[in-house]
Amino acid sequence: MCSLISIGGFIYMENKMLWYNIVKVILIDIQIIGVYKPHKETLLQY
């Protein structure tokens, strides 16, 4: 019983870290696109 809870907790923590990393990558991508697009548009204007 105790080992099942610890395994479940471990899997839960692993999934939480996995989701955190996925969200972090997505947010970084959005930031890069958000930063990159305006720069590209200003470069095209010049």
PDB file of N, CA and C in Angstrom:
ATOM      1  N   MET A   1       0.842  -1.201   0.000  1.00  0.00           N
ATOM      2  CA  MET A   1       0.000   0.000   0.000  1.00  0.00           C
ATOM      3  C   MET A   1       0.882   1.257   0.000  1.00  0.00           C
ATOM      4  N   CYS A   2       1.825   1.267   0.902  1.00  0.00           N
ATOM      5  CA  CYS A   2       2.715   2.427   1.034  1.00  0.00           C
ATOM      6  C   CYS A   2       3.562   2.595  -0.234  1.00  0.00           C
ATOM      7  N   SER A   3       4.049   1.465  -0.770  1.00  0.00           N
ATOM      8  CA  SER A   3       4.893   1.527  -1.969  1.00  0.00           C
ATOM      9  C   SER A   3       4.074   1.994  -3.175  1.00  0.00           C
ATOM     10  N   LEU A   4       2.793   1.582  -3.229  1.00  0.00           N
ATOM     11  CA  LEU A   4       1.917   2.010  -4.323  1.00  0.00           C
ATOM     12  C   LEU A   4       1.742   3.522  -4.300  1.00  0.00           C
ATOM     13  N   ILE A   5       1.552   4.064  -3.095  1.00  0.00           N
ATOM     14  CA  ILE A   5       1.370   5.514  -2.950  1.00  0.00           C
ATOM     15  C   ILE A   5       2.643   6.244  -3.384  1.00  0.00           C
ATOM     16  N   SER A   6       3.795   5.716  -2.975  1.00  0.00           N
ATOM     17  CA  SER A   6       5.062   6.375  -3.315  1.00  0.00           C
ATOM     18  C   SER A   6       5.328   6.301  -4.821  1.00  0.00           C
ATOM     19  N   ILE A   7       4.989   5.162  -5.452  1.00  0.00           N
ATOM     20  CA  ILE A   7       5.151   5.017  -6.907  1.00  0.00           C
ATOM     21  C   ILE A   7       4.199   5.982  -7.618  1.00  0.00           C
ATOM     22  N   GLY A   8       2.948   6.031  -7.138  1.00  0.00           N
ATOM     23  CA  GLY A   8       1.957   6.942  -7.708  1.00  0.00           C
ATOM     24  C   GLY A   8       2.404   8.386  -7.567  1.00  0.00           C
ATOM     25  N   GLY A   9       2.939   8.723  -6.401  1.00  0.00           N
ATOM     26  CA  GLY A   9       3.447  10.075  -6.158  1.00  0.00           C
ATOM     27  C   GLY A   9       4.618  10.398  -7.060  1.00  0.00           C
ATOM     28  N   PHE A  10       5.492   9.410  -7.261  1.00  0.00           N
ATOM     29  CA  PHE A  10       6.669   9.598  -8.119  1.00  0.00           C
ATOM     30  C   PHE A  10       6.237   9.835  -9.562  1.00  0.00           C
ATOM     31  N   ILE A  11       5.307   9.016 -10.052  1.00  0.00           N
ATOM     32  CA  ILE A  11       4.794   9.152 -11.424  1.00  0.00           C
ATOM     33  C   ILE A  11       4.114  10.513 -11.576  1.00  0.00           C
ATOM     34  N   TYR A  12       3.346  10.913 -10.546  1.00  0.00           N
ATOM     35  CA  TYR A  12       2.655  12.204 -10.566  1.00  0.00           C
ATOM     36  C   TYR A  12       3.666  13.345 -10.656  1.00  0.00           C
ATOM     37  N   MET A  13       4.717  13.261  -9.853  1.00  0.00           N
ATOM     38  CA  MET A  13       5.752  14.298  -9.862  1.00  0.00           C
ATOM     39  C   MET A  13       6.462  14.337 -11.214  1.00  0.00           C
ATOM     40  N   GLU A  14       6.751  13.163 -11.769  1.00  0.00           N
ATOM     41  CA  GLU A  14       7.408  13.081 -13.080  1.00  0.00           C
ATOM     42  C   GLU A  14       6.529  13.740 -14.149  1.00  0.00           C
ATOM     43  N   ASN A  15       5.225  13.420 -14.121  1.00  0.00           N
ATOM     44  CA  ASN A  15       4.290  13.994 -15.091  1.00  0.00           C
ATOM     45  C   ASN A  15       4.190  15.500 -14.919  1.00  0.00           C
ATOM     46  N   LYS A  16       4.202  15.952 -13.655  1.00  0.00           N
ATOM     47  CA  LYS A  16       4.121  17.382 -13.379  1.00  0.00           C
ATOM     48  C   LYS A  16       5.337  18.095 -13.971  1.00  0.00           C
ATOM     49  N   MET A  17       6.515  17.495 -13.792  1.00  0.00           N
ATOM     50  CA  MET A  17       7.739  18.077 -14.347  1.00  0.00           C
ATOM     51  C   MET A  17       7.686  18.059 -15.874  1.00  0.00           C
ATOM     52  N   LEU A  18       7.173  16.963 -16.442  1.00  0.00           N
ATOM     53  CA  LEU A  18       7.058  16.827 -17.895  1.00  0.00           C
ATOM     54  C   LEU A  18       6.147  17.925 -18.443  1.00  0.00           C
ATOM     55  N   TRP A  19       4.975  18.086 -17.817  1.00  0.00           N
ATOM     56  CA  TRP A  19       4.035  19.114 -18.259  1.00  0.00           C
ATOM     57  C   TRP A  19       4.633  20.493 -18.089  1.00  0.00           C
ATOM     58  N   TYR A  20       5.356  20.690 -16.981  1.00  0.00           N
ATOM     59  CA  TYR A  20       6.007  21.983 -16.718  1.00  0.00           C
ATOM     60  C   TYR A  20       6.996  22.303 -17.837  1.00  0.00           C
ATOM     61  N   ASN A  21       7.773  21.296 -18.241  1.00  0.00           N
ATOM     62  CA  ASN A  21       8.763  21.486 -19.307  1.00  0.00           C
ATOM     63  C   ASN A  21       8.086  21.777 -20.641  1.00  0.00           C
ATOM     64  N   ILE A  22       6.991  21.059 -20.933  1.00  0.00           N
ATOM     65  CA  ILE A  22       6.254  21.271 -22.186  1.00  0.00           C
ATOM     66  C   ILE A  22       5.711  22.699 -22.220  1.00  0.00           C
ATOM     67  N   VAL A  23       5.087  23.117 -21.116  1.00  0.00           N
ATOM     68  CA  VAL A  23       4.506  24.466 -21.034  1.00  0.00           C
ATOM     69  C   VAL A  23       5.606  25.516 -21.159  1.00  0.00           C
ATOM     70  N   LYS A  24       6.755  25.251 -20.504  1.00  0.00           N
ATOM     71  CA  LYS A  24       7.886  26.182 -20.541  1.00  0.00           C
ATOM     72  C   LYS A  24       8.376  26.348 -21.980  1.00  0.00           C
ATOM     73  N   VAL A  25       8.509  25.239 -22.706  1.00  0.00           N
ATOM     74  CA  VAL A  25       8.969  25.275 -24.104  1.00  0.00           C
ATOM     75  C   VAL A  25       7.971  26.046 -24.962  1.00  0.00           C
ATOM     76  N   ILE A  26       6.668  25.777 -24.755  1.00  0.00           N
ATOM     77  CA  ILE A  26       5.621  26.465 -25.522  1.00  0.00           C
ATOM     78  C   ILE A  26       5.684  27.964 -25.237  1.00  0.00           C
ATOM     79  N   LEU A  27       5.830  28.333 -23.958  1.00  0.00           N
ATOM     80  CA  LEU A  27       5.892  29.749 -23.580  1.00  0.00           C
ATOM     81  C   LEU A  27       7.116  30.417 -24.185  1.00  0.00           C
ATOM     82  N   ILE A  28       8.252  29.715 -24.188  1.00  0.00           N
ATOM     83  CA  ILE A  28       9.483  30.252 -24.780  1.00  0.00           C
ATOM     84  C   ILE A  28       9.280  30.447 -26.283  1.00  0.00           C
ATOM     85  N   ASP A  29       8.641  29.471 -26.940  1.00  0.00           N
ATOM     86  CA  ASP A  29       8.347  29.575 -28.377  1.00  0.00           C
ATOM     87  C   ASP A  29       7.476  30.793 -28.652  1.00  0.00           C
ATOM     88  N   ILE A  30       6.439  30.988 -27.833  1.00  0.00           N
ATOM     89  CA  ILE A  30       5.531  32.127 -28.000  1.00  0.00           C
ATOM     90  C   ILE A  30       6.307  33.426 -27.815  1.00  0.00           C
ATOM     91  N   GLN A  31       7.185  33.467 -26.824  1.00  0.00           N
ATOM     92  CA  GLN A  31       7.997  34.664 -26.564  1.00  0.00           C
ATOM     93  C   GLN A  31       8.903  34.956 -27.757  1.00  0.00           C
ATOM     94  N   ILE A  32       9.559  33.910 -28.291  1.00  0.00           N
ATOM     95  CA  ILE A  32      10.468  34.079 -29.430  1.00  0.00           C
ATOM     96  C   ILE A  32       9.682  34.584 -30.641  1.00  0.00           C
ATOM     97  N   ILE A  33       8.523  33.971 -30.897  1.00  0.00           N
ATOM     98  CA  ILE A  33       7.679  34.379 -32.026  1.00  0.00           C
ATOM     99  C   ILE A  33       7.200  35.817 -31.792  1.00  0.00           C
ATOM    100  N   GLY A  34       6.787  36.113 -30.556  1.00  0.00           N
ATOM    101  CA  GLY A  34       6.312  37.451 -30.196  1.00  0.00           C
ATOM    102  C   GLY A  34       7.392  38.503 -30.346  1.00  0.00           C
ATOM    103  N   VAL A  35       8.636  38.120 -30.062  1.00  0.00           N
ATOM    104  CA  VAL A  35       9.766  39.050 -30.179  1.00  0.00           C
ATOM    105  C   VAL A  35      10.231  39.116 -31.633  1.00  0.00           C
ATOM    106  N   TYR A  36      10.219  37.964 -32.298  1.00  0.00           N
ATOM    107  CA  TYR A  36      10.785  37.849 -33.649  1.00  0.00           C
ATOM    108  C   TYR A  36       9.897  38.521 -34.697  1.00  0.00           C
ATOM    109  N   LYS A  37       8.588  38.315 -34.604  1.00  0.00           N
ATOM    110  CA  LYS A  37       7.660  38.849 -35.612  1.00  0.00           C
ATOM    111  C   LYS A  37       7.724  40.371 -35.716  1.00  0.00           C
ATOM    112  N   PRO A  38       7.612  41.116 -34.607  1.00  0.00           N
ATOM    113  CA  PRO A  38       7.703  42.578 -34.720  1.00  0.00           C
ATOM    114  C   PRO A  38       9.034  43.036 -35.312  1.00  0.00           C
ATOM    115  N   HIS A  39      10.132  42.359 -34.957  1.00  0.00           N
ATOM    116  CA  HIS A  39      11.447  42.709 -35.494  1.00  0.00           C
ATOM    117  C   HIS A  39      11.468  42.502 -37.007  1.00  0.00           C
ATOM    118  N   LYS A  40      10.884  41.391 -37.443  1.00  0.00           N
ATOM    119  CA  LYS A  40      10.847  41.078 -38.873  1.00  0.00           C
ATOM    120  C   LYS A  40      10.030  42.140 -39.613  1.00  0.00           C
ATOM    121  N   GLU A  41       8.910  42.537 -39.020  1.00  0.00           N
ATOM    122  CA  GLU A  41       8.043  43.541 -39.648  1.00  0.00           C
ATOM    123  C   GLU A  41       8.744  44.892 -39.717  1.00  0.00           C
ATOM    124  N   THR A  42       9.470  45.253 -38.654  1.00  0.00           N
ATOM    125  CA  THR A  42      10.186  46.538 -38.655  1.00  0.00           C
ATOM    126  C   THR A  42      11.336  46.486 -39.659  1.00  0.00           C
ATOM    127  N   LEU A  43      11.964  45.314 -39.804  1.00  0.00           N
ATOM    128  CA  LEU A  43      13.047  45.166 -40.784  1.00  0.00           C
ATOM    129  C   LEU A  43      12.501  45.317 -42.202  1.00  0.00           C
ATOM    130  N   LEU A  44      11.299  44.758 -42.438  1.00  0.00           N
ATOM    131  CA  LEU A  44      10.683  44.855 -43.763  1.00  0.00           C
ATOM    132  C   LEU A  44      10.284  46.296 -44.073  1.00  0.00           C
ATOM    133  N   GLN A  45       9.924  47.054 -43.035  1.00  0.00           N
ATOM    134  CA  GLN A  45       9.509  48.449 -43.232  1.00  0.00           C
ATOM    135  C   GLN A  45      10.688  49.313 -43.666  1.00  0.00           C
ATOM    136  N   TYR A  46      11.876  49.005 -43.151  1.00  0.00           N
ATOM    137  CA  TYR A  46      13.051  49.843 -43.460  1.00  0.00           C
ATOM    138  C   TYR A  46      13.528  49.650 -44.891  1.00  0.00           C
TER     139      TYR A  46
END
